[in-house]
C-alpha atoms as a PDB file:
ATOM      1  CA  MET A   1      -7.896  -2.496  14.609  1.00  0.00           C
ATOM      2  CA  GLU A   2      -7.391  -5.467  12.300  1.00  0.00           C
ATOM      3  CA  ARG A   3      -4.735  -5.031   9.603  1.00  0.00           C
ATOM      4  CA  LEU A   4      -4.684  -6.729   6.241  1.00  0.00           C
ATOM      5  CA  TRP A   5      -1.051  -7.475   5.422  1.00  0.00           C
ATOM      6  CA  ALA A   6       0.048  -8.278   1.883  1.00  0.00           C
ATOM      7  CA  PRO A   7       3.874  -8.225   1.770  1.00  0.00           C
ATOM      8  CA  TRP A   8       4.017 -10.313  -1.434  1.00  0.00           C
ATOM      9  CA  ARG A   9       2.552  -7.272  -3.201  1.00  0.00           C
ATOM     10  CA  MET A  10       5.990  -5.650  -2.959  1.00  0.00           C
ATOM     11  CA  GLU A  11       6.783  -7.397  -6.250  1.00  0.00           C
ATOM     12  CA  PHE A  12       4.089  -5.215  -7.817  1.00  0.00           C
ATOM     13  CA  ILE A  13       4.859  -2.062  -5.842  1.00  0.00           C
ATOM     14  CA  ALA A  14       8.647  -2.113  -6.244  1.00  0.00           C
ATOM     15  CA  GLY A  15       8.835  -3.936  -9.558  1.00  0.00           C
ATOM     16  CA  GLU A  16       9.258  -2.438 -12.980  1.00  0.00           C
ATOM     17  CA  LYS A  17       5.942  -1.276 -14.400  1.00  0.00           C
ATOM     18  CA  PRO A  18       5.112  -2.309 -17.945  1.00  0.00           C
ATOM     19  CA  ASP A  19       4.335   0.323 -20.528  1.00  0.00           C
ATOM     20  CA  GLY A  20       0.649   0.819 -21.054  1.00  0.00           C
ATOM     21  CA  CYS A  21      -2.286  -0.245 -18.945  1.00  0.00           C
ATOM     22  CA  PHE A  22      -2.771  -3.910 -18.062  1.00  0.00           C
ATOM     23  CA  LEU A  23      -6.513  -3.332 -17.689  1.00  0.00           C
ATOM     24  CA  CYS A  24      -6.748  -1.862 -21.196  1.00  0.00           C
ATOM     25  CA  GLU A  25      -4.624  -4.734 -22.520  1.00  0.00           C
ATOM     26  CA  ALA A  26      -7.013  -7.241 -20.946  1.00  0.00           C
ATOM     27  CA  ALA A  27     -10.114  -5.338 -22.111  1.00  0.00           C
ATOM     28  CA  GLN A  28      -8.866  -5.190 -25.701  1.00  0.00           C
ATOM     29  CA  ALA A  29      -7.533  -8.755 -25.914  1.00  0.00           C
ATOM     30  CA  GLY A  30      -9.615 -11.490 -27.434  1.00  0.00           C
ATOM     31  CA  ALA A  31     -11.365 -14.209 -25.454  1.00  0.00           C
ATOM     32  CA  GLU A  32      -8.583 -16.634 -26.401  1.00  0.00           C
ATOM     33  CA  SER A  33      -6.308 -14.721 -23.983  1.00  0.00           C
ATOM     34  CA  ASP A  34      -8.750 -14.723 -21.056  1.00  0.00           C
ATOM     35  CA  ARG A  35      -7.084 -17.516 -19.075  1.00  0.00           C
ATOM     36  CA  GLU A  36      -3.562 -16.129 -19.539  1.00  0.00           C
ATOM     37  CA  LEU A  37      -4.726 -12.615 -18.588  1.00  0.00           C
ATOM     38  CA  LEU A  38      -6.952 -13.989 -15.773  1.00  0.00           C
ATOM     39  CA  VAL A  39     -10.120 -12.446 -17.259  1.00  0.00           C
ATOM     40  CA  LEU A  40     -13.224 -14.125 -15.864  1.00  0.00           C
ATOM     41  CA  GLU A  41     -16.026 -12.338 -17.698  1.00  0.00           C
ATOM     42  CA  ARG A  42     -16.488  -9.679 -20.356  1.00  0.00           C
ATOM     43  CA  GLY A  43     -19.567  -7.509 -20.543  1.00  0.00           C
ATOM     44  CA  GLU A  44     -20.419  -4.840 -23.070  1.00  0.00           C
ATOM     45  CA  HIS A  45     -18.972  -1.965 -21.001  1.00  0.00           C
ATOM     46  CA  ALA A  46     -16.994  -3.657 -18.197  1.00  0.00           C
ATOM     47  CA  PHE A  47     -15.121  -6.847 -17.344  1.00  0.00           C
ATOM     48  CA  VAL A  48     -13.903  -8.935 -14.396  1.00  0.00           C
ATOM     49  CA  ILE A  49     -10.253  -9.897 -13.949  1.00  0.00           C
ATOM     50  CA  MET A  50      -8.374 -11.637 -11.158  1.00  0.00           C
ATOM     51  CA  ASN A  51      -5.783  -9.606  -9.297  1.00  0.00           C
ATOM     52  CA  ARG A  52      -2.361 -11.055 -10.144  1.00  0.00           C
ATOM     53  CA  TYR A  53      -1.014  -9.730  -6.803  1.00  0.00           C
ATOM     54  CA  PRO A  54      -3.974 -10.475  -4.520  1.00  0.00           C
ATOM     55  CA  TYR A  55      -4.586  -9.305  -0.973  1.00  0.00           C
ATOM     56  CA  ASN A  56      -6.465 -12.573  -0.476  1.00  0.00           C
ATOM     57  CA  ASN A  57      -7.209 -15.648  -2.556  1.00  0.00           C
ATOM     58  CA  GLY A  58     -10.023 -14.766  -4.970  1.00  0.00           C
ATOM     59  CA  HIS A  59      -9.273 -11.013  -5.097  1.00  0.00           C
ATOM     60  CA  LEU A  60     -10.998  -9.685  -8.235  1.00  0.00           C
ATOM     61  CA  LEU A  61     -11.047  -6.366 -10.080  1.00  0.00           C
ATOM     62  CA  VAL A  62     -14.136  -5.119 -11.926  1.00  0.00           C
ATOM     63  CA  ALA A  63     -13.328  -2.360 -14.416  1.00  0.00           C
ATOM     64  CA  PRO A  64     -14.927  -0.430 -17.243  1.00  0.00           C
ATOM     65  CA  LYS A  65     -13.396  -1.345 -20.591  1.00  0.00           C
ATOM     66  CA  ARG A  66     -12.824   2.335 -21.319  1.00  0.00           C
ATOM     67  CA  HIS A  67      -9.605   3.794 -19.909  1.00  0.00           C
ATOM     68  CA  GLY A  68     -10.235   6.482 -17.316  1.00  0.00           C
ATOM     69  CA  GLY A  69      -9.595   7.067 -13.643  1.00  0.00           C
ATOM     70  CA  GLU A  70     -12.456   9.339 -12.664  1.00  0.00           C
ATOM     71  CA  PHE A  71     -15.430   7.752 -10.942  1.00  0.00           C
ATOM     72  CA  CYS A  72     -17.621  10.744 -11.737  1.00  0.00           C
ATOM     73  CA  GLU A  73     -16.868  10.357 -15.464  1.00  0.00           C
ATOM     74  CA  MET A  74     -18.191   6.809 -15.782  1.00  0.00           C
ATOM     75  CA  THR A  75     -21.188   6.557 -18.071  1.00  0.00           C
ATOM     76  CA  VAL A  76     -24.469   5.305 -16.661  1.00  0.00           C
ATOM     77  CA  GLU A  77     -23.987   2.093 -18.658  1.00  0.00           C
ATOM     78  CA  GLU A  78     -20.448   1.554 -17.345  1.00  0.00           C
ATOM     79  CA  SER A  79     -21.513   2.223 -13.771  1.00  0.00           C
ATOM     80  CA  ALA A  80     -24.497  -0.117 -14.007  1.00  0.00           C
ATOM     81  CA  GLU A  81     -22.432  -2.916 -15.516  1.00  0.00           C
ATOM     82  CA  VAL A  82     -19.581  -2.549 -12.980  1.00  0.00           C
ATOM     83  CA  MET A  83     -22.147  -2.867 -10.189  1.00  0.00           C
ATOM     84  CA  ALA A  84     -24.003  -5.781 -11.829  1.00  0.00           C
ATOM     85  CA  LEU A  85     -20.747  -7.689 -12.409  1.00  0.00           C
ATOM     86  CA  SER A  86     -19.627  -6.952  -8.847  1.00  0.00           C
ATOM     87  CA  ARG A  87     -22.861  -8.369  -7.427  1.00  0.00           C
ATOM     88  CA  ARG A  88     -22.644 -11.438  -9.663  1.00  0.00           C
ATOM     89  CA  TRP A  89     -19.010 -12.199  -8.823  1.00  0.00           C
ATOM     90  CA  GLN A  90     -19.437 -11.586  -5.101  1.00  0.00           C
ATOM     91  CA  ARG A  91     -22.166 -14.234  -5.217  1.00  0.00           C
ATOM     92  CA  ILE A  92     -19.979 -16.619  -7.239  1.00  0.00           C
ATOM     93  CA  ILE A  93     -17.023 -16.197  -4.860  1.00  0.00           C
ATOM     94  CA  ARG A  94     -19.312 -16.872  -1.887  1.00  0.00           C
ATOM     95  CA  GLU A  95     -20.671 -20.034  -3.552  1.00  0.00           C
ATOM     96  CA  VAL A  96     -17.363 -21.410  -4.865  1.00  0.00           C
ATOM     97  CA  MET A  97     -14.997 -20.370  -2.093  1.00  0.00           C
ATOM     98  CA  ASN A  98     -17.370 -20.188   0.903  1.00  0.00           C
ATOM     99  CA  ALA A  99     -16.313 -16.613   1.636  1.00  0.00           C
ATOM    100  CA  GLU A 100     -17.726 -15.347   4.924  1.00  0.00           C
ATOM    101  CA  GLY A 101     -17.438 -11.655   4.094  1.00  0.00           C
ATOM    102  CA  PHE A 102     -16.044  -9.204   1.572  1.00  0.00           C
ATOM    103  CA  ASN A 103     -14.180  -5.945   1.259  1.00  0.00           C
ATOM    104  CA  LEU A 104     -15.434  -4.022  -1.789  1.00  0.00           C
ATOM    105  CA  GLY A 105     -13.951  -0.700  -2.746  1.00  0.00           C
ATOM    106  CA  MET A 106     -12.200   1.702  -5.065  1.00  0.00           C
ATOM    107  CA  ASN A 107      -8.989   3.615  -4.517  1.00  0.00           C
ATOM    108  CA  LEU A 108      -9.475   6.814  -6.490  1.00  0.00           C
ATOM    109  CA  GLY A 109      -6.145   8.519  -7.171  1.00  0.00           C
ATOM    110  CA  ARG A 110      -2.598   7.595  -6.257  1.00  0.00           C
ATOM    111  CA  CYS A 111      -2.740   9.374  -2.877  1.00  0.00           C
ATOM    112  CA  ALA A 112      -5.816   7.247  -2.037  1.00  0.00           C
ATOM    113  CA  GLY A 113      -3.833   4.051  -2.602  1.00  0.00           C
ATOM    114  CA  ALA A 114      -4.550   3.338  -6.260  1.00  0.00           C
ATOM    115  CA  GLY A 115      -1.782   1.209  -7.746  1.00  0.00           C
ATOM    116  CA  VAL A 116      -3.362   1.838 -11.148  1.00  0.00           C
ATOM    117  CA  ALA A 117      -4.660   5.383 -10.784  1.00  0.00           C
ATOM    118  CA  ASP A 118      -5.631   6.057 -14.377  1.00  0.00           C
ATOM    119  CA  HIS A 119      -7.975   3.090 -15.001  1.00  0.00           C
ATOM    120  CA  LEU A 120     -10.844   2.918 -12.545  1.00  0.00           C
ATOM    121  CA  HIS A 121     -11.545  -0.471 -10.983  1.00  0.00           C
ATOM    122  CA  LEU A 122     -13.481  -1.894  -8.074  1.00  0.00           C
ATOM    123  CA  HIS A 123     -11.819  -4.448  -5.788  1.00  0.00           C
ATOM    124  CA  ILE A 124     -13.697  -7.508  -4.531  1.00  0.00           C
ATOM    125  CA  VAL A 125     -11.670  -9.089  -1.722  1.00  0.00           C
ATOM    126  CA  PRO A 126     -13.173 -12.211  -0.135  1.00  0.00           C
ATOM    127  CA  ARG A 127     -12.635 -12.629   3.610  1.00  0.00           C
ATOM    128  CA  TRP A 128     -12.823 -15.493   6.083  1.00  0.00           C
ATOM    129  CA  SER A 129     -12.700 -15.522   9.871  1.00  0.00           C
ATOM    130  CA  GLY A 130      -9.033 -15.777  10.789  1.00  0.00           C
ATOM    131  CA  ASP A 131      -7.747 -15.103   7.259  1.00  0.00           C
ATOM    132  CA  THR A 132      -5.064 -12.877   8.710  1.00  0.00           C
ATOM    133  CA  ASN A 133      -2.787 -15.135  10.722  1.00  0.00           C
ATOM    134  CA  PHE A 134       0.736 -15.262  12.118  1.00  0.00           C
ATOM    135  CA  MET A 135       2.501 -15.975   8.788  1.00  0.00           C
ATOM    136  CA  PRO A 136       2.658 -12.381   7.477  1.00  0.00           C
ATOM    137  CA  VAL A 137       3.632 -11.050  10.894  1.00  0.00           C
ATOM    138  CA  VAL A 138       6.269 -13.599  11.893  1.00  0.00           C
ATOM    139  CA  SER A 139       7.839 -14.572   8.604  1.00  0.00           C
ATOM    140  CA  ASP A 140       6.825 -11.852   6.115  1.00  0.00           C
ATOM    141  CA  THR A 141       5.006 -14.623   4.241  1.00  0.00           C
ATOM    142  CA  HIS A 142       1.473 -14.874   2.926  1.00  0.00           C
ATOM    143  CA  VAL A 143      -0.129 -18.212   2.181  1.00  0.00           C
ATOM    144  CA  VAL A 144      -2.344 -18.185  -0.896  1.00  0.00           C
ATOM    145  CA  PRO A 145      -3.814 -21.682  -0.810  1.00  0.00           C
ATOM    146  CA  GLN A 146      -4.703 -22.013  -4.475  1.00  0.00           C
ATOM    147  CA  ALA A 147      -2.913 -21.301  -7.752  1.00  0.00           C
ATOM    148  CA  LEU A 148      -4.360 -18.367  -9.710  1.00  0.00           C
ATOM    149  CA  LEU A 149      -5.033 -20.357 -12.895  1.00  0.00           C
ATOM    150  CA  GLU A 150      -6.652 -23.186 -10.943  1.00  0.00           C
ATOM    151  CA  LEU A 151      -8.964 -20.721  -9.220  1.00  0.00           C
ATOM    152  CA  HIS A 152      -9.619 -18.914 -12.516  1.00  0.00           C
ATOM    153  CA  ASP A 153     -10.746 -22.183 -14.108  1.00  0.00           C
ATOM    154  CA  ARG A 154     -12.927 -23.103 -11.132  1.00  0.00           C
ATOM    155  CA  LEU A 155     -14.630 -19.695 -10.951  1.00  0.00           C
ATOM    156  CA  ARG A 156     -15.148 -19.470 -14.698  1.00  0.00           C
ATOM    157  CA  ALA A 157     -16.630 -22.978 -14.863  1.00  0.00           C
ATOM    158  CA  HIS A 158     -19.057 -22.074 -12.084  1.00  0.00           C
ATOM    159  CA  ALA A 159     -20.024 -18.806 -13.787  1.00  0.00           C
ATOM    160  CA  GLU A 160     -20.576 -20.500 -17.142  1.00  0.00           C
ATOM    161  CA  GLY A 161     -22.758 -23.090 -15.446  1.00  0.00           C
ATOM    162  CA  GLY A 162     -25.436 -20.448 -15.071  1.00  0.00           C
ATOM    163  CA  ALA A 163     -24.784 -19.173 -11.537  1.00  0.00           C
ATOM    164  CA  GLU A 164     -26.168 -15.693 -11.201  1.00  0.00           C
END
C-alpha cells in the first residue's frame, strides 16, 4: 500500500481555527481578493480555490458557494457546476503541471476525514510517479516545489487564456 504523507498539514490540524468558514469567506469576497484568498475561478454556483495546506503541489478544492456539508442536499445546478469545474481544472493542472494522475474525492463528515465538515468540497490532488519520496519519512519534511501564489498566477493565466 502506498501512503500519502502530509506532515506539514499539522499546522492546519493542530492550529487555531478561525471563526467562520474560509470557503464562505472566499465565496463571498470580491474578485479583487482572489489572489490573496487563492481563488482561481468563480462560477455562478461554485468556485475553485487552492488548498493553503496542500497534500501535493497544485491541490485544489472545488466547492459550492452555498454553505452546507451534505452531498445529497446539493442542488442540481451546484452539482453540475462542481463537476464541470473539476473537469476543467483537472485538465488545466495536467496541461500546466504535467500531472500524471489525480486523486479526486470528498470527505463527507468529520469521521470521514473532513477538515471542514460543514462546507462540502471536492479535492483535486495532482500526482506524479515518485511524488512520495524519502523526505516525509526520514525528516518529517515535505518539499512543495513552487510557491502557492506563483502557482496561482500560472494556473489562472492559463485558464484565462481560454484553456478548457
